Protein backbone atom coordinates (compact mmCIF):
# COMPACT_ATOMS: atom_id res chain seq x y z
CA MET A 1 -114.18 -41.94 62.54
CA ASP A 2 -112.05 -45.00 63.19
CA ASN A 3 -113.02 -46.41 59.37
CA LEU A 4 -111.60 -43.20 58.50
CA LYS A 5 -108.11 -44.42 60.16
CA LYS A 6 -107.67 -47.43 58.50
CA ASN A 7 -108.53 -45.92 55.07
CA LEU A 8 -105.64 -43.55 55.48
CA HIS A 9 -103.38 -46.21 56.94
CA PHE A 10 -104.65 -47.96 53.44
CA VAL A 11 -103.62 -44.77 51.18
CA VAL A 12 -100.37 -44.34 53.23
CA PHE A 13 -99.54 -48.04 53.00
CA GLY A 14 -100.02 -47.97 48.94
CA ALA A 15 -98.01 -45.19 48.17
CA GLY A 16 -95.08 -46.50 50.19
CA VAL A 17 -95.15 -49.86 47.86
CA LEU A 18 -95.55 -47.67 44.48
CA LEU A 19 -92.26 -45.77 45.65
CA GLY A 20 -90.80 -48.74 46.35
CA ILE A 21 -91.84 -50.46 42.67
CA ILE A 22 -90.37 -47.27 41.22
CA LEU A 23 -86.95 -46.96 43.50
CA LEU A 24 -86.79 -50.82 42.05
CA VAL A 25 -86.85 -50.47 38.46
CA ALA A 26 -84.46 -46.92 38.79
CA GLY A 27 -82.10 -49.14 40.50
CA ILE A 28 -82.49 -52.07 38.17
CA MET A 29 -82.03 -49.59 34.93
CA VAL A 30 -78.83 -48.04 36.33
CA ARG A 31 -77.28 -50.62 37.49
CA GLY A 32 -77.90 -52.79 33.97
CA GLY A 33 -76.24 -49.35 32.21
CA THR A 34 -73.51 -49.27 34.41
CA GLU A 35 -72.62 -53.44 33.43
CA ASP A 36 -73.01 -52.08 30.20
CA LYS A 37 -70.23 -49.88 30.56
CA LEU A 38 -68.24 -51.57 32.44
CA ALA A 39 -68.32 -54.82 29.55
CA GLU A 40 -68.06 -52.28 27.26
CA ALA A 41 -64.89 -50.76 28.75
CA GLN A 42 -63.29 -54.30 29.92
CA THR A 43 -63.63 -55.27 25.99
CA GLY A 44 -61.23 -51.73 25.48
CA LEU A 45 -58.68 -52.72 28.08
CA ALA A 46 -58.66 -56.24 26.55
CA GLY A 47 -56.15 -55.31 23.32
CA LYS A 48 -54.13 -52.69 25.40
CA THR A 49 -50.67 -54.65 26.05
CA LYS A 50 -48.15 -51.95 26.91
CA VAL A 51 -48.46 -49.05 29.60
CA ALA A 52 -49.41 -45.86 28.13
CA THR A 53 -46.69 -44.44 30.36
CA ARG A 54 -43.96 -46.78 28.72
CA GLY A 55 -42.71 -43.95 26.24
CA THR A 56 -42.58 -41.01 28.41
CA LEU A 57 -40.30 -43.23 30.61
CA GLU A 58 -38.28 -44.34 28.15
CA GLU A 59 -37.91 -40.77 26.68
CA ALA A 60 -37.20 -39.37 30.29
CA THR A 61 -34.58 -42.01 30.73
CA ALA A 62 -32.97 -40.66 27.56
CA ARG A 63 -32.47 -37.14 28.39
CA SER A 64 -31.22 -38.07 31.50
CA GLU A 65 -28.02 -39.86 29.64
CA ARG A 66 -27.72 -37.58 27.44
CA PHE A 67 -27.43 -35.09 29.89
CA GLY A 68 -25.08 -37.38 32.26
CA SER A 69 -22.91 -37.42 28.90
CA SER A 70 -23.03 -33.70 28.53
CA LEU A 71 -21.49 -33.98 32.05
CA GLN A 72 -18.72 -36.03 31.39
CA ASP A 73 -18.10 -33.80 27.96
CA ALA A 74 -18.14 -30.47 29.82
CA GLU A 75 -15.87 -31.84 32.42
CA SER A 76 -13.60 -33.48 29.98
CA LYS A 77 -13.14 -29.69 28.24
CA LEU A 78 -12.92 -28.21 31.51
CA ARG A 79 -9.64 -30.31 32.56
CA GLY A 80 -8.26 -30.72 29.07
CA ILE A 81 -8.11 -27.45 26.63
CA GLY A 82 -9.81 -25.26 29.98
CA SER A 83 -6.59 -26.05 31.55
CA ALA A 84 -3.98 -25.71 28.52
CA PHE A 85 -3.35 -22.06 29.79
CA ASP A 86 -2.01 -23.94 32.89
CA ALA A 87 0.00 -26.57 31.33
CA GLY A 88 3.07 -27.78 29.29
CA TYR A 89 5.86 -25.90 30.45
CA LEU A 90 9.45 -26.40 30.63
CA SER A 91 11.20 -26.01 33.35
CA HIS A 92 14.28 -23.63 34.55
CA GLN A 93 16.59 -23.68 37.43
CA THR A 94 16.55 -19.77 36.89
CA GLY A 95 15.75 -16.75 35.30
CA GLY A 96 18.63 -16.70 33.93
CA GLU A 97 18.72 -19.93 32.23
CA PHE A 98 14.72 -18.91 31.39
CA TYR A 99 16.11 -16.16 29.27
CA SER A 100 18.74 -17.80 27.57
CA ALA A 101 16.97 -20.94 26.91
CA GLU A 102 13.63 -19.74 25.93
CA ALA A 103 12.62 -16.22 26.20
CA ARG A 104 15.17 -14.50 23.97
CA PRO A 105 14.81 -16.94 21.09
CA THR A 106 10.93 -16.94 21.19
CA LEU A 107 10.48 -13.39 21.83
CA GLN A 108 13.17 -12.95 18.42
CA ARG A 109 10.12 -15.12 16.76
CA LEU A 110 7.29 -13.04 17.77
CA ARG A 111 8.65 -9.95 16.70
CA GLN A 112 9.55 -11.36 13.47
CA ARG A 113 6.18 -13.27 13.00
CA PHE A 114 4.39 -9.80 13.59
CA ALA A 115 6.31 -7.91 11.48
CA ALA A 116 5.54 -9.88 8.88
CA LEU A 117 2.00 -9.54 9.45
CA SER A 118 2.31 -5.72 9.09
CA ARG A 119 1.67 -3.98 5.40
CA PRO A 120 2.27 -1.19 4.15
CA ASN A 121 -0.76 0.96 4.15
CA PRO A 122 -2.55 0.41 0.60
CA MET A 123 -2.03 3.40 -2.02
CA PRO A 124 -4.36 4.83 -4.99
CA ALA A 125 -3.19 3.93 -7.71
CA LEU A 126 -2.20 8.27 -8.69
CA LEU A 127 0.48 7.71 -5.67
CA GLU A 128 1.73 4.24 -6.07
CA GLY A 129 5.30 4.33 -4.98
CA TRP A 130 4.66 7.00 -1.92
CA GLU A 131 3.25 5.69 1.73
CA VAL A 132 1.96 7.34 4.70
CA SER A 133 4.01 7.71 7.62
CA ARG A 134 3.17 9.17 11.38
CA SER A 135 6.03 10.20 13.55
CA GLY A 136 6.71 7.89 16.62
CA ALA A 137 4.91 5.35 16.06
CA GLU A 138 7.05 2.82 14.80
CA ARG A 139 9.36 3.83 17.69
CA VAL A 140 6.39 2.94 20.50
CA GLN A 141 6.41 -0.66 19.15
CA GLU A 142 10.28 -0.91 19.35
CA GLN A 143 10.05 0.33 23.24
CA ALA A 144 6.92 -2.19 23.85
CA TRP A 145 8.85 -5.09 22.81
CA GLU A 146 12.28 -3.81 25.01
CA GLN A 147 10.44 -3.21 27.65
CA LEU A 148 9.23 -6.74 27.69
CA GLU A 149 12.93 -8.49 26.41
CA ARG A 150 14.04 -6.53 29.78
CA GLU A 151 11.17 -7.85 32.03
CA MET A 152 12.31 -12.03 30.82
CA THR A 153 16.14 -10.97 30.91
CA SER A 154 16.17 -12.04 34.87
CA PRO A 155 13.11 -12.94 36.48
CA SER A 156 13.18 -14.66 40.37
CA ASN A 157 11.92 -18.52 40.02
CA ASP A 158 8.36 -17.08 41.34
CA LYS A 159 7.85 -14.96 38.51
CA ILE A 160 9.10 -17.38 35.68
CA ARG A 161 5.60 -19.35 34.81
CA GLU A 162 4.35 -15.68 34.44
CA MET A 163 6.72 -14.84 31.57
CA GLN A 164 5.79 -18.18 30.23
CA MET A 165 2.82 -17.20 30.06
CA ARG A 166 3.13 -14.11 28.60
CA LEU A 167 4.91 -15.95 26.15
CA ARG A 168 1.99 -18.19 25.36
CA ILE A 169 -0.79 -15.45 25.19
CA LEU A 170 1.78 -13.57 22.62
CA ASP A 171 1.76 -16.68 20.58
CA GLU A 172 -1.62 -17.51 20.90
CA VAL A 173 -2.34 -14.19 19.17
CA ALA A 174 0.20 -14.18 16.45
CA THR A 175 -0.87 -17.96 15.09
CA THR A 176 -4.75 -16.36 15.30
CA CYS A 177 -3.68 -13.36 13.53
CA GLU A 178 -1.77 -15.79 10.90
CA LYS A 179 -4.61 -17.43 9.93
CA LEU A 180 -7.20 -15.02 9.64
CA VAL A 181 -5.09 -13.36 7.06
CA GLU A 182 -4.47 -16.83 5.43
CA THR A 183 -7.76 -17.35 4.97
CA GLY A 184 -8.36 -13.48 2.95
CA ILE A 185 -9.40 -11.54 6.53
CA GLY A 186 -7.48 -8.29 6.85
CA ASP A 187 -8.50 -6.13 3.52
CA ASP A 188 -5.13 -5.35 2.38
CA PHE A 189 -3.92 -3.42 5.92
CA GLY A 190 -2.65 -6.14 7.70
CA PHE A 191 -2.50 -5.94 11.87
CA LYS A 192 0.16 -3.70 13.12
CA LEU A 193 0.94 -4.43 16.92
CA THR A 194 1.77 -1.27 18.67
CA GLU A 195 1.67 -1.96 22.82
CA ILE A 196 1.60 -4.96 24.92
CA ARG A 197 0.84 -4.64 28.52
CA PHE A 198 0.52 -7.78 30.88
CA GLU A 199 -0.69 -7.79 34.92
CA ALA A 200 -0.43 -10.63 36.97
CA TYR A 201 -2.11 -13.87 36.74
CA GLY A 202 -4.75 -14.41 39.61
CA VAL A 203 -7.86 -14.83 40.70
CA ALA A 204 -10.62 -14.02 37.69
CA ALA A 205 -12.50 -12.09 39.63
CA ILE A 206 -15.97 -11.98 37.70
CA GLY A 207 -19.01 -11.13 39.40
CA THR A 208 -18.94 -12.28 43.01
CA TYR A 209 -15.95 -14.40 42.19
CA THR A 210 -13.00 -12.12 44.73
CA ASN A 211 -11.08 -15.52 46.15
CA GLU A 212 -9.26 -18.55 44.29
CA SER A 213 -11.83 -21.17 46.24
CA ASP A 214 -15.05 -19.41 44.90
CA SER A 215 -13.78 -18.58 41.42
CA PRO A 216 -14.10 -21.49 38.46
CA TRP A 217 -11.12 -19.72 36.95
CA LEU A 218 -7.77 -18.53 37.19
CA ALA A 219 -6.68 -15.91 34.49
CA MET A 220 -3.93 -13.33 33.60
CA PRO A 221 -5.67 -9.90 32.10
CA PHE A 222 -3.36 -8.50 29.03
CA SER A 223 -4.29 -5.64 27.33
CA LEU A 224 -2.94 -4.70 23.43
CA LYS A 225 -3.20 -2.02 21.21
CA PHE A 226 -2.75 -2.79 17.53
CA GLU A 227 -3.77 -1.19 13.82
CA CYS A 228 -5.99 -3.21 11.50
CA SER A 229 -8.90 -2.99 9.75
CA PRO A 230 -12.51 -3.24 11.35
CA SER A 231 -13.66 -6.32 9.82
CA PHE A 232 -9.73 -8.19 11.16
CA ALA A 233 -10.32 -6.78 14.78
CA VAL A 234 -13.90 -7.91 15.30
CA ALA A 235 -12.89 -10.99 13.76
CA LEU A 236 -9.30 -11.37 15.87
CA VAL A 237 -11.95 -10.62 18.65
CA ASP A 238 -14.80 -13.59 17.85
CA GLU A 239 -10.86 -16.20 17.22
CA LEU A 240 -9.90 -15.56 20.55
CA VAL A 241 -12.84 -15.89 23.04
CA ASN A 242 -14.72 -18.49 20.52
CA PRO A 243 -12.20 -20.19 18.39
CA THR A 244 -13.29 -22.24 14.92
CA SER A 245 -11.22 -24.64 12.10
CA ARG A 246 -10.84 -21.04 10.21
CA THR A 247 -7.74 -20.43 13.17
CA MET A 248 -7.50 -24.00 14.98
CA SER A 249 -5.64 -25.61 11.71
CA ALA A 250 -1.80 -25.17 11.62
CA THR A 251 -0.30 -21.73 9.54
CA ALA A 252 2.17 -22.61 6.54
CA ASP A 253 4.60 -22.04 8.61
CA LYS A 254 3.54 -24.72 11.55
CA ASN A 255 2.36 -22.72 14.02
CA GLN A 256 -0.53 -24.37 16.18
CA ARG A 257 -3.26 -22.78 18.33
CA LYS A 258 -4.06 -23.99 21.60
CA GLY A 259 -7.15 -22.67 21.73
CA PHE A 260 -7.48 -22.22 25.75
CA PRO A 261 -9.68 -19.93 26.97
CA MET A 262 -9.99 -16.49 27.16
CA LEU A 263 -12.32 -13.90 28.39
CA LEU A 264 -12.96 -10.37 26.56
CA ASP A 265 -13.43 -7.68 28.90
CA MET A 266 -13.85 -4.71 26.15
CA MET A 267 -12.53 -3.37 22.77
CA GLN A 268 -12.56 0.05 21.02
CA THR A 269 -11.88 0.88 18.05
CA GLU A 270 -10.75 4.24 16.98
CA MET A 271 -9.63 6.38 13.84
CA THR A 272 -6.56 6.83 13.48
CA GLU A 273 -5.33 10.53 13.04
CA ARG A 274 -6.24 11.42 9.02
CA PRO A 275 -4.63 15.09 7.82
CA PRO A 276 -8.11 17.47 6.20
CA VAL A 277 -6.21 18.16 3.44
CA VAL A 278 -3.38 16.76 1.30
CA ARG A 279 -1.75 18.65 -1.37
CA TYR A 280 -0.79 16.70 -4.66
CA ASP A 281 2.36 18.02 -7.01
CA ILE A 282 2.09 16.38 -10.47
CA ASN A 283 5.47 17.52 -12.23
CA ASN A 284 6.44 18.01 -15.45
CA ASP A 285 8.56 14.29 -15.64
CA ASP A 286 5.13 12.95 -14.05
CA LYS A 287 2.64 13.94 -16.34
CA GLY A 288 2.91 11.46 -18.77
CA ALA A 289 2.68 8.32 -16.00
CA VAL A 290 -0.46 10.33 -14.22
CA ALA A 291 -2.20 10.87 -17.43
CA ASN A 292 -1.80 7.03 -18.44
CA LYS A 293 -3.12 5.46 -15.18
CA LEU A 294 -6.13 7.98 -15.34
CA ASN A 295 -7.01 7.18 -19.02
CA GLU A 296 -6.76 3.54 -18.22
CA LYS A 297 -9.98 4.69 -15.68
CA GLY A 298 -11.32 6.13 -18.98
CA ALA A 299 -10.18 9.80 -18.49
CA GLY A 300 -9.65 10.49 -21.80
CA ILE A 301 -6.82 12.77 -21.57
CA THR A 302 -4.94 13.10 -25.15
CA LEU A 303 -1.49 13.67 -24.19
CA PRO A 304 1.09 15.92 -26.82
CA SER A 305 4.02 14.50 -28.45
CA ASP A 306 5.96 16.17 -24.99
CA PRO A 307 3.66 15.60 -22.03
CA LYS A 308 5.59 18.26 -20.01
CA LYS A 309 4.11 21.07 -22.14
CA LEU A 310 1.25 20.21 -20.77
CA ASP A 311 -0.33 23.37 -19.62
CA PRO A 312 -2.69 22.41 -15.75
CA ALA A 313 -4.64 25.67 -16.45
CA GLU A 314 -6.03 25.14 -19.59
CA GLY A 315 -6.75 22.14 -22.54
CA GLU A 316 -5.26 18.71 -21.98
CA GLY A 317 -3.67 20.41 -18.93
CA LYS A 318 -6.73 21.29 -17.37
CA LYS A 319 -8.86 18.34 -18.15
CA LEU A 320 -5.59 16.11 -16.17
CA VAL A 321 -5.94 18.18 -13.11
CA GLU A 322 -9.56 18.02 -13.23
CA ALA A 323 -9.39 14.27 -13.52
CA ALA A 324 -7.09 13.60 -11.22
CA SER A 325 -8.48 15.52 -8.17
CA LYS A 326 -11.92 13.51 -8.85
CA ASP A 327 -10.00 10.20 -8.54
CA LEU A 328 -7.82 11.63 -5.51
CA ASN A 329 -11.41 12.92 -3.64
CA GLN A 330 -14.17 10.57 -5.02
CA ASP A 331 -12.98 7.22 -7.10
CA ASP A 332 -9.68 6.05 -5.44
CA ARG A 333 -9.79 7.83 -2.00
CA LEU A 334 -6.87 7.33 0.75
CA ALA A 335 -7.86 4.65 3.20
CA LEU A 336 -6.49 4.36 6.42
CA PRO A 337 -6.53 1.65 9.23
CA VAL A 338 -8.45 1.82 12.90
CA ARG A 339 -6.50 1.90 16.02
CA VAL A 340 -7.73 -0.69 18.19
CA GLY A 341 -7.54 -1.30 22.32
CA LEU A 342 -8.53 -4.70 23.23
CA LYS A 343 -8.49 -5.75 27.21
CA MET A 344 -8.77 -9.76 27.95
CA ARG A 345 -7.94 -12.63 30.02
CA ALA A 346 -6.37 -15.67 29.13
CA ALA A 347 -7.94 -18.19 31.98
CA THR A 348 -7.74 -21.84 33.18
CA PHE A 349 -10.21 -23.67 34.53
CA ASN A 350 -9.41 -24.18 38.79
CA LYS A 351 -9.11 -27.48 39.75
CA ASN A 352 -9.57 -26.80 43.50
CA TRP A 353 -12.72 -24.46 42.63
CA ARG A 354 -16.18 -26.27 43.80
CA ALA A 355 -19.64 -24.88 44.07
CA VAL A 356 -21.14 -24.64 47.47
CA LYS A 357 -25.00 -24.12 48.12
CA LYS A 358 -25.42 -20.83 49.52
CA GLU A 359 -26.80 -21.06 53.69
CA GLU A 360 -30.02 -19.43 53.74
CA GLU A 361 -30.61 -16.80 56.38
CA ASN A 362 -33.01 -17.28 59.15
């Protein structure tokens, strides 16, 4: 038994020695591999002379500088062109002085400018010399100007600025229309102003902005009604809201836009009244001229020595009637402008506005 115990101790001791040798060899191998990797990494780092994130830092710095520059540019525009509607007005001691020195001559020029923008309705070739007339339309236009002049005849001192703002809005619209016509917009329909309305100048209630301390804009709402081509109406609204080089340069008469902000509330177009049936009588004296106009379009009507003898029921006379009917109903139809209703606000940046963080509820 004693020998067995001695032998067992030897066996256990022997196994422990063997395990220690194995762990020692493994440790040496692992250490050797790690040292090789460290040496390789150190060699790779030796060639690195720049921090890997330096480019990212430079890009972030450039973005920050651009952002700061953009903020400065925005503030410059807000306090420059953004305040153009509320700046640069003449001073007057009384309402009468304002009317005689500024309102009356300005209104006269505006009426002349808007009248010059109006065009006779383009007519088919066969109806040359005729025009479309709608009873009452001209009187409505005159009433709009007369009402505006009455309100500006002798305003109270605290209303003079609002009257000046009205004149500035009308001048901006007139100049924009003039530039659009000069640059070929309008399809020969021109622009006919028929109704003008203004509201009081004050807070521009946009969204939740209901008082001056909260609103970034102060504005004067106004509405216009006018007649023009559909394309002209869209171009006019686009230029008023987003001025471009098309209309910001001076007109041929040296009129110049101010380019102050305008906010669009609504634009609506509708067809003007169109008669369902129009009777076109060709009398004896007009038969030759009408036939010649139709022949210019290829009708091929043979005229006798006396065109008055053409019989509309037979022969060349019937051919003339059929050609005229086709021309007016299919080829050269009468086109009328659309009636446009426009609601906008001429705005100025509120210099007293400050953005305030809303407190969170507990």
